[in-house]
C-alpha atoms as a PDB file:
ATOM      1  CA  MET A   1       0.542   4.229 -14.799  1.00  0.00           C
ATOM      2  CA  ASP A   2       2.268   7.317 -13.390  1.00  0.00           C
ATOM      3  CA  ALA A   3       2.872   6.279  -9.761  1.00  0.00           C
ATOM      4  CA  LYS A   4       4.484   8.575  -7.213  1.00  0.00           C
ATOM      5  CA  PHE A   5       5.771   5.584  -5.167  1.00  0.00           C
ATOM      6  CA  ALA A   6       7.043   2.098  -6.035  1.00  0.00           C
ATOM      7  CA  VAL A   7       6.880  -1.298  -4.348  1.00  0.00           C
ATOM      8  CA  GLY A   8       9.422  -1.302  -1.507  1.00  0.00           C
ATOM      9  CA  ASP A   9       9.281   2.449  -0.821  1.00  0.00           C
ATOM     10  CA  LYS A  10       8.978   3.412   2.852  1.00  0.00           C
ATOM     11  CA  VAL A  11       6.234   5.992   3.455  1.00  0.00           C
ATOM     12  CA  ASP A  12       4.523   7.978   6.224  1.00  0.00           C
ATOM     13  CA  GLN A  13       0.872   8.868   6.342  1.00  0.00           C
ATOM     14  CA  SER A  14       0.499  12.616   5.979  1.00  0.00           C
ATOM     15  CA  PRO A  15      -0.143  15.184   7.267  1.00  0.00           C
ATOM     16  CA  ARG A  16       0.333  13.995  10.865  1.00  0.00           C
ATOM     17  CA  ASN A  17       2.495  10.894  10.289  1.00  0.00           C
ATOM     18  CA  LYS A  18      -0.014   8.515  11.871  1.00  0.00           C
ATOM     19  CA  PHE A  19       1.917   5.488  10.596  1.00  0.00           C
ATOM     20  CA  VAL A  20       5.077   4.332   8.849  1.00  0.00           C
ATOM     21  CA  GLY A  21       4.832   1.564   6.303  1.00  0.00           C
ATOM     22  CA  THR A  22       6.195  -0.074   3.162  1.00  0.00           C
ATOM     23  CA  VAL A  23       4.462  -0.019  -0.222  1.00  0.00           C
ATOM     24  CA  LYS A  24       3.605  -3.637  -1.135  1.00  0.00           C
ATOM     25  CA  ALA A  25       1.530  -3.051  -4.289  1.00  0.00           C
ATOM     26  CA  VAL A  26       0.650  -0.273  -6.720  1.00  0.00           C
ATOM     27  CA  PHE A  27      -2.538  -0.446  -8.764  1.00  0.00           C
ATOM     28  CA  THR A  28      -5.012   1.654 -10.712  1.00  0.00           C
ATOM     29  CA  THR A  29      -8.706   1.889  -9.855  1.00  0.00           C
ATOM     30  CA  LYS A  30     -11.438   1.559 -12.489  1.00  0.00           C
ATOM     31  CA  GLU A  31     -11.578   5.361 -12.460  1.00  0.00           C
ATOM     32  CA  GLY A  32      -7.875   5.574 -13.359  1.00  0.00           C
ATOM     33  CA  GLU A  33      -6.594   6.724  -9.956  1.00  0.00           C
ATOM     34  CA  THR A  34      -3.391   5.288  -8.475  1.00  0.00           C
ATOM     35  CA  ARG A  35      -3.647   3.468  -5.143  1.00  0.00           C
ATOM     36  CA  TYR A  36      -1.033   1.878  -2.892  1.00  0.00           C
ATOM     37  CA  ALA A  37      -1.277  -1.113  -0.564  1.00  0.00           C
ATOM     38  CA  VAL A  38       0.897  -0.130   2.406  1.00  0.00           C
ATOM     39  CA  ASP A  39       2.046  -2.655   5.050  1.00  0.00           C
ATOM     40  CA  VAL A  40       1.842  -0.719   8.328  1.00  0.00           C
ATOM     41  CA  GLU A  41       4.842  -1.345  10.616  1.00  0.00           C
ATOM     42  CA  GLY A  42       3.987  -2.954  13.935  1.00  0.00           C
ATOM     43  CA  HIS A  43       0.347  -3.636  13.052  1.00  0.00           C
ATOM     44  CA  GLY A  44       0.417  -6.469  10.530  1.00  0.00           C
ATOM     45  CA  THR A  45      -2.193  -4.688   8.407  1.00  0.00           C
ATOM     46  CA  LEU A  46      -2.432  -3.347   4.871  1.00  0.00           C
ATOM     47  CA  ARG A  47      -3.909   0.094   4.255  1.00  0.00           C
ATOM     48  CA  LEU A  48      -5.044   1.322   0.870  1.00  0.00           C
ATOM     49  CA  CYS A  49      -3.734   4.840   0.273  1.00  0.00           C
ATOM     50  CA  SER A  50      -3.809   7.438  -2.484  1.00  0.00           C
ATOM     51  CA  ASP A  51      -1.058   9.863  -3.573  1.00  0.00           C
ATOM     52  CA  HIS A  52      -2.260  12.700  -1.373  1.00  0.00           C
ATOM     53  CA  THR A  53      -2.354  10.674   1.885  1.00  0.00           C
ATOM     54  CA  ILE A  54       1.260   9.413   2.004  1.00  0.00           C
ATOM     55  CA  VAL A  55       4.682  11.025   1.794  1.00  0.00           C
ATOM     56  CA  PRO A  56       8.229   9.599   1.570  1.00  0.00           C
ATOM     57  CA  HIS A  57       9.586   8.423   4.949  1.00  0.00           C
ATOM     58  CA  HIS A  58      12.543  10.422   6.282  1.00  0.00           C
END
């Protein structure tokens, strides 16, 4: 698996930074695409994201 992010990385949703969260899991779909389970700060929810929808938090 060639993941762009790792468990524990802090990320923002791009392009408009709708949320900040922490990567809790990295997995591969049946189609071979990398997905991330992101714990959204302040919401108590997990969002499933792909490489092109999150960026490193600054």
